[in-house]
PDB file of N, CA and C in Angstrom:
ATOM      1  N   MET A   1      32.940 -16.014  15.746  1.00  0.00           N
ATOM      2  CA  MET A   1      31.894 -15.453  14.999  1.00  0.00           C
ATOM      3  C   MET A   1      31.709 -13.938  15.469  1.00  0.00           C
ATOM      4  N   ALA A   2      31.751 -13.029  14.356  1.00  0.00           N
ATOM      5  CA  ALA A   2      31.364 -11.526  14.638  1.00  0.00           C
ATOM      6  C   ALA A   2      29.815 -11.353  14.995  1.00  0.00           C
ATOM      7  N   ARG A   3      29.496 -10.352  16.161  1.00  0.00           N
ATOM      8  CA  ARG A   3      28.549 -10.156  16.573  1.00  0.00           C
ATOM      9  C   ARG A   3      27.811  -8.978  15.851  1.00  0.00           C
ATOM     10  N   SER A   4      26.741  -8.786  15.097  1.00  0.00           N
ATOM     11  CA  SER A   4      25.965  -7.755  14.880  1.00  0.00           C
ATOM     12  C   SER A   4      25.163  -6.895  15.694  1.00  0.00           C
ATOM     13  N   ASN A   5      25.396  -5.400  14.848  1.00  0.00           N
ATOM     14  CA  ASN A   5      24.747  -4.154  16.200  1.00  0.00           C
ATOM     15  C   ASN A   5      23.309  -4.551  16.098  1.00  0.00           C
ATOM     16  N   GLY A   6      22.776  -4.947  14.940  1.00  0.00           N
ATOM     17  CA  GLY A   6      21.526  -5.351  15.016  1.00  0.00           C
ATOM     18  C   GLY A   6      20.886  -4.012  14.315  1.00  0.00           C
ATOM     19  N   ASN A   7      19.771  -3.297  15.298  1.00  0.00           N
ATOM     20  CA  ASN A   7      19.175  -2.195  15.162  1.00  0.00           C
ATOM     21  C   ASN A   7      19.763  -0.974  15.694  1.00  0.00           C
ATOM     22  N   ARG A   8      20.624  -1.082  16.794  1.00  0.00           N
ATOM     23  CA  ARG A   8      21.238  -0.111  17.634  1.00  0.00           C
ATOM     24  C   ARG A   8      21.990   0.991  16.531  1.00  0.00           C
ATOM     25  N   VAL A   9      21.539   2.348  16.943  1.00  0.00           N
ATOM     26  CA  VAL A   9      21.897   3.369  16.513  1.00  0.00           C
ATOM     27  C   VAL A   9      23.316   3.881  17.323  1.00  0.00           C
ATOM     28  N   MET A  10      24.691   3.641  16.428  1.00  0.00           N
ATOM     29  CA  MET A  10      25.704   4.131  16.762  1.00  0.00           C
ATOM     30  C   MET A  10      25.541   5.354  17.481  1.00  0.00           C
ATOM     31  N   VAL A  11      25.050   6.479  17.210  1.00  0.00           N
ATOM     32  CA  VAL A  11      24.903   7.888  17.762  1.00  0.00           C
ATOM     33  C   VAL A  11      23.411   8.015  17.832  1.00  0.00           C
ATOM     34  N   PRO A  12      23.423   7.900  19.386  1.00  0.00           N
ATOM     35  CA  PRO A  12      21.654   7.809  19.419  1.00  0.00           C
ATOM     36  C   PRO A  12      21.114   9.459  19.144  1.00  0.00           C
ATOM     37  N   GLU A  13      21.915  10.442  19.049  1.00  0.00           N
ATOM     38  CA  GLU A  13      21.401  11.815  18.743  1.00  0.00           C
ATOM     39  C   GLU A  13      20.672  11.750  17.031  1.00  0.00           C
ATOM     40  N   ALA A  14      21.018  10.672  16.558  1.00  0.00           N
ATOM     41  CA  ALA A  14      20.763  10.267  14.935  1.00  0.00           C
ATOM     42  C   ALA A  14      19.592   9.647  14.706  1.00  0.00           C
ATOM     43  N   ARG A  15      18.820   8.964  16.275  1.00  0.00           N
ATOM     44  CA  ARG A  15      17.807   8.152  15.880  1.00  0.00           C
ATOM     45  C   ARG A  15      16.858   8.924  15.426  1.00  0.00           C
ATOM     46  N   GLU A  16      16.299   9.930  15.536  1.00  0.00           N
ATOM     47  CA  GLU A  16      15.032  10.632  15.222  1.00  0.00           C
ATOM     48  C   GLU A  16      15.098  10.915  13.533  1.00  0.00           C
ATOM     49  N   ALA A  17      16.306  11.507  13.234  1.00  0.00           N
ATOM     50  CA  ALA A  17      16.728  11.593  11.731  1.00  0.00           C
ATOM     51  C   ALA A  17      16.769  10.384  11.058  1.00  0.00           C
ATOM     52  N   LEU A  18      17.142   9.542  11.790  1.00  0.00           N
ATOM     53  CA  LEU A  18      17.151   8.021  10.818  1.00  0.00           C
ATOM     54  C   LEU A  18      15.683   7.633  10.542  1.00  0.00           C
ATOM     55  N   ASN A  19      15.069   7.700  11.709  1.00  0.00           N
ATOM     56  CA  ASN A  19      13.654   7.260  11.609  1.00  0.00           C
ATOM     57  C   ASN A  19      12.923   8.109  10.323  1.00  0.00           C
ATOM     58  N   LYS A  20      13.025   9.548  10.555  1.00  0.00           N
ATOM     59  CA  LYS A  20      12.216  10.613   9.591  1.00  0.00           C
ATOM     60  C   LYS A  20      12.453   9.936   8.087  1.00  0.00           C
ATOM     61  N   PHE A  21      13.957   9.873   7.881  1.00  0.00           N
ATOM     62  CA  PHE A  21      14.624   9.464   7.023  1.00  0.00           C
ATOM     63  C   PHE A  21      14.126   8.207   6.213  1.00  0.00           C
ATOM     64  N   LYS A  22      13.736   7.015   7.010  1.00  0.00           N
ATOM     65  CA  LYS A  22      13.446   5.891   6.916  1.00  0.00           C
ATOM     66  C   LYS A  22      11.642   6.288   6.321  1.00  0.00           C
ATOM     67  N   MET A  23      10.984   6.712   6.929  1.00  0.00           N
ATOM     68  CA  MET A  23       9.613   6.978   6.614  1.00  0.00           C
ATOM     69  C   MET A  23       9.506   7.504   5.567  1.00  0.00           C
ATOM     70  N   GLU A  24      10.477   8.672   5.018  1.00  0.00           N
ATOM     71  CA  GLU A  24      10.513   9.208   3.792  1.00  0.00           C
ATOM     72  C   GLU A  24      10.680   8.246   2.414  1.00  0.00           C
ATOM     73  N   THR A  25      11.772   7.576   2.961  1.00  0.00           N
ATOM     74  CA  THR A  25      12.134   6.472   2.161  1.00  0.00           C
ATOM     75  C   THR A  25      10.964   5.583   1.788  1.00  0.00           C
ATOM     76  N   ALA A  26      10.345   4.960   2.602  1.00  0.00           N
ATOM     77  CA  ALA A  26       9.182   3.994   2.591  1.00  0.00           C
ATOM     78  C   ALA A  26       8.298   4.512   1.670  1.00  0.00           C
ATOM     79  N   SER A  27       7.614   5.916   2.268  1.00  0.00           N
ATOM     80  CA  SER A  27       6.477   6.535   1.215  1.00  0.00           C
ATOM     81  C   SER A  27       7.120   6.231  -0.326  1.00  0.00           C
ATOM     82  N   GLU A  28       8.261   7.069  -0.563  1.00  0.00           N
ATOM     83  CA  GLU A  28       8.836   7.194  -1.925  1.00  0.00           C
ATOM     84  C   GLU A  28       8.819   5.789  -2.764  1.00  0.00           C
ATOM     85  N   VAL A  29       8.847   4.624  -2.038  1.00  0.00           N
ATOM     86  CA  VAL A  29       8.774   3.267  -2.667  1.00  0.00           C
ATOM     87  C   VAL A  29       7.480   2.524  -2.461  1.00  0.00           C
ATOM     88  N   GLY A  30       6.467   3.308  -1.709  1.00  0.00           N
ATOM     89  CA  GLY A  30       5.351   2.963  -1.928  1.00  0.00           C
ATOM     90  C   GLY A  30       4.964   2.112  -0.552  1.00  0.00           C
ATOM     91  N   VAL A  31       5.736   1.911   0.576  1.00  0.00           N
ATOM     92  CA  VAL A  31       5.295   0.787   1.587  1.00  0.00           C
ATOM     93  C   VAL A  31       4.713   1.971   2.570  1.00  0.00           C
ATOM     94  N   THR A  32       3.800   1.419   3.421  1.00  0.00           N
ATOM     95  CA  THR A  32       2.949   2.108   4.663  1.00  0.00           C
ATOM     96  C   THR A  32       3.758   1.654   5.914  1.00  0.00           C
ATOM     97  N   LEU A  33       4.325   2.396   6.612  1.00  0.00           N
ATOM     98  CA  LEU A  33       5.135   2.094   7.944  1.00  0.00           C
ATOM     99  C   LEU A  33       4.238   2.682   9.032  1.00  0.00           C
ATOM    100  N   ASN A  34       4.248   1.853  10.041  1.00  0.00           N
ATOM    101  CA  ASN A  34       3.564   2.362  11.172  1.00  0.00           C
ATOM    102  C   ASN A  34       4.854   3.049  12.105  1.00  0.00           C
ATOM    103  N   GLN A  35       4.574   3.509  13.118  1.00  0.00           N
ATOM    104  CA  GLN A  35       5.380   4.056  14.173  1.00  0.00           C
ATOM    105  C   GLN A  35       5.991   2.493  14.743  1.00  0.00           C
ATOM    106  N   GLY A  36       6.970   2.576  15.283  1.00  0.00           N
ATOM    107  CA  GLY A  36       7.207   1.235  16.123  1.00  0.00           C
ATOM    108  C   GLY A  36       7.221  -0.045  15.275  1.00  0.00           C
ATOM    109  N   TYR A  37       6.954  -1.181  15.786  1.00  0.00           N
ATOM    110  CA  TYR A  37       6.853  -2.393  14.985  1.00  0.00           C
ATOM    111  C   TYR A  37       6.434  -2.219  13.832  1.00  0.00           C
ATOM    112  N   ASN A  38       7.023  -3.152  12.812  1.00  0.00           N
ATOM    113  CA  ASN A  38       6.414  -3.339  11.389  1.00  0.00           C
ATOM    114  C   ASN A  38       6.178  -4.690  10.847  1.00  0.00           C
ATOM    115  N   GLY A  39       6.001  -5.527  11.507  1.00  0.00           N
ATOM    116  CA  GLY A  39       6.234  -7.100  11.538  1.00  0.00           C
ATOM    117  C   GLY A  39       5.557  -7.610  10.307  1.00  0.00           C
ATOM    118  N   HIS A  40       4.754  -6.761   9.878  1.00  0.00           N
ATOM    119  CA  HIS A  40       3.384  -7.136   8.834  1.00  0.00           C
ATOM    120  C   HIS A  40       4.044  -7.034   7.342  1.00  0.00           C
ATOM    121  N   LEU A  41       5.364  -5.929   7.441  1.00  0.00           N
ATOM    122  CA  LEU A  41       6.131  -6.227   6.137  1.00  0.00           C
ATOM    123  C   LEU A  41       6.724  -7.465   5.450  1.00  0.00           C
ATOM    124  N   THR A  42       6.654  -7.571   4.133  1.00  0.00           N
ATOM    125  CA  THR A  42       7.399  -8.606   3.712  1.00  0.00           C
ATOM    126  C   THR A  42       8.832  -8.476   3.711  1.00  0.00           C
ATOM    127  N   SER A  43       9.482  -9.315   3.389  1.00  0.00           N
ATOM    128  CA  SER A  43      10.974  -9.251   3.216  1.00  0.00           C
ATOM    129  C   SER A  43      11.282  -8.466   2.079  1.00  0.00           C
ATOM    130  N   GLN A  44      10.512  -8.311   1.141  1.00  0.00           N
ATOM    131  CA  GLN A  44      10.438  -7.536  -0.315  1.00  0.00           C
ATOM    132  C   GLN A  44      10.284  -6.083   0.169  1.00  0.00           C
ATOM    133  N   GLN A  45       9.533  -5.725   0.958  1.00  0.00           N
ATOM    134  CA  GLN A  45       9.040  -4.563   1.280  1.00  0.00           C
ATOM    135  C   GLN A  45      10.148  -3.838   2.234  1.00  0.00           C
ATOM    136  N   ALA A  46      10.680  -4.635   3.135  1.00  0.00           N
ATOM    137  CA  ALA A  46      11.459  -4.025   4.249  1.00  0.00           C
ATOM    138  C   ALA A  46      13.127  -4.018   3.268  1.00  0.00           C
ATOM    139  N   GLY A  47      13.277  -4.690   2.392  1.00  0.00           N
ATOM    140  CA  GLY A  47      14.795  -4.498   1.328  1.00  0.00           C
ATOM    141  C   GLY A  47      14.398  -3.668   0.572  1.00  0.00           C
ATOM    142  N   SER A  48      13.013  -3.478   0.309  1.00  0.00           N
ATOM    143  CA  SER A  48      13.399  -2.202  -0.928  1.00  0.00           C
ATOM    144  C   SER A  48      13.358  -0.824  -0.198  1.00  0.00           C
ATOM    145  N   ILE A  49      12.919  -0.898   1.179  1.00  0.00           N
ATOM    146  CA  ILE A  49      13.225   0.667   2.045  1.00  0.00           C
ATOM    147  C   ILE A  49      14.421   0.447   2.194  1.00  0.00           C
ATOM    148  N   GLY A  50      15.472  -0.307   3.042  1.00  0.00           N
ATOM    149  CA  GLY A  50      16.563  -0.387   3.169  1.00  0.00           C
ATOM    150  C   GLY A  50      17.640  -0.347   1.982  1.00  0.00           C
ATOM    151  N   GLY A  51      17.098  -0.807   0.756  1.00  0.00           N
ATOM    152  CA  GLY A  51      18.106  -0.601  -0.345  1.00  0.00           C
ATOM    153  C   GLY A  51      18.146   0.709  -0.882  1.00  0.00           C
ATOM    154  N   GLN A  52      16.644   1.263  -0.677  1.00  0.00           N
ATOM    155  CA  GLN A  52      16.568   2.679  -1.226  1.00  0.00           C
ATOM    156  C   GLN A  52      17.517   3.656  -0.728  1.00  0.00           C
ATOM    157  N   MET A  53      17.528   3.299   1.036  1.00  0.00           N
ATOM    158  CA  MET A  53      18.232   4.346   2.011  1.00  0.00           C
ATOM    159  C   MET A  53      19.802   4.004   1.757  1.00  0.00           C
ATOM    160  N   VAL A  54      19.991   2.932   1.227  1.00  0.00           N
ATOM    161  CA  VAL A  54      21.492   2.482   1.152  1.00  0.00           C
ATOM    162  C   VAL A  54      21.948   3.554  -0.203  1.00  0.00           C
ATOM    163  N   LYS A  55      20.957   3.346  -1.332  1.00  0.00           N
ATOM    164  CA  LYS A  55      21.490   4.146  -2.379  1.00  0.00           C
ATOM    165  C   LYS A  55      21.732   5.571  -2.449  1.00  0.00           C
ATOM    166  N   LYS A  56      20.421   6.015  -1.262  1.00  0.00           N
ATOM    167  CA  LYS A  56      20.353   7.843  -1.247  1.00  0.00           C
ATOM    168  C   LYS A  56      21.610   8.064  -0.073  1.00  0.00           C
ATOM    169  N   MET A  57      22.207   7.441   0.707  1.00  0.00           N
ATOM    170  CA  MET A  57      23.008   7.553   1.653  1.00  0.00           C
ATOM    171  C   MET A  57      24.428   7.664   0.649  1.00  0.00           C
ATOM    172  N   ILE A  58      24.655   6.390  -0.302  1.00  0.00           N
ATOM    173  CA  ILE A  58      25.851   6.504  -1.163  1.00  0.00           C
ATOM    174  C   ILE A  58      25.946   7.844  -2.198  1.00  0.00           C
ATOM    175  N   ALA A  59      24.569   8.139  -2.535  1.00  0.00           N
ATOM    176  CA  ALA A  59      24.833   9.524  -3.631  1.00  0.00           C
ATOM    177  C   ALA A  59      25.224  10.476  -2.770  1.00  0.00           C
ATOM    178  N   ALA A  60      24.550  10.498  -1.569  1.00  0.00           N
ATOM    179  CA  ALA A  60      24.734  11.656  -0.844  1.00  0.00           C
ATOM    180  C   ALA A  60      26.513  12.158  -0.937  1.00  0.00           C
ATOM    181  N   TYR A  61      26.748  11.017  -0.126  1.00  0.00           N
ATOM    182  CA  TYR A  61      28.235  10.844   0.061  1.00  0.00           C
ATOM    183  C   TYR A  61      29.006  10.980  -1.402  1.00  0.00           C
ATOM    184  N   GLU A  62      28.833  10.875  -2.143  1.00  0.00           N
ATOM    185  CA  GLU A  62      29.457  10.938  -3.647  1.00  0.00           C
ATOM    186  C   GLU A  62      29.441  12.503  -4.022  1.00  0.00           C
ATOM    187  N   ASN A  63      28.054  12.862  -3.630  1.00  0.00           N
ATOM    188  CA  ASN A  63      28.075  14.245  -4.195  1.00  0.00           C
ATOM    189  C   ASN A  63      28.742  15.246  -3.249  1.00  0.00           C
ATOM    190  N   GLY A  64      29.123  14.759  -1.726  1.00  0.00           N
ATOM    191  CA  GLY A  64      30.040  15.485  -1.044  1.00  0.00           C
ATOM    192  C   GLY A  64      31.657  15.545  -1.378  1.00  0.00           C
ATOM    193  N   LEU A  65      31.870  14.794  -1.837  1.00  0.00           N
ATOM    194  CA  LEU A  65      33.225  14.414  -2.426  1.00  0.00           C
ATOM    195  C   LEU A  65      33.737  15.232  -3.744  1.00  0.00           C
ATOM    196  N   LYS A  66      32.408  15.803  -4.705  1.00  0.00           N
ATOM    197  CA  LYS A  66      32.397  16.665  -5.391  1.00  0.00           C
ATOM    198  C   LYS A  66      32.864  17.825  -5.440  1.00  0.00           C
TER     199      LYS A  66
END
């Protein structure tokens, strides 16, 4: 069975930028995040943040290909 990386950032220097990206995205989808642990979020809220982040990353990649 494969092991997941979990929340480990593969490039440690990117951690701050990823946190900023996550906070901005959460704000866009109307979810309030605290610095650190956010165990109060529902699965739907957390999923909407992650899903929006992926959409934005894919769009940025596709725009880079043009």
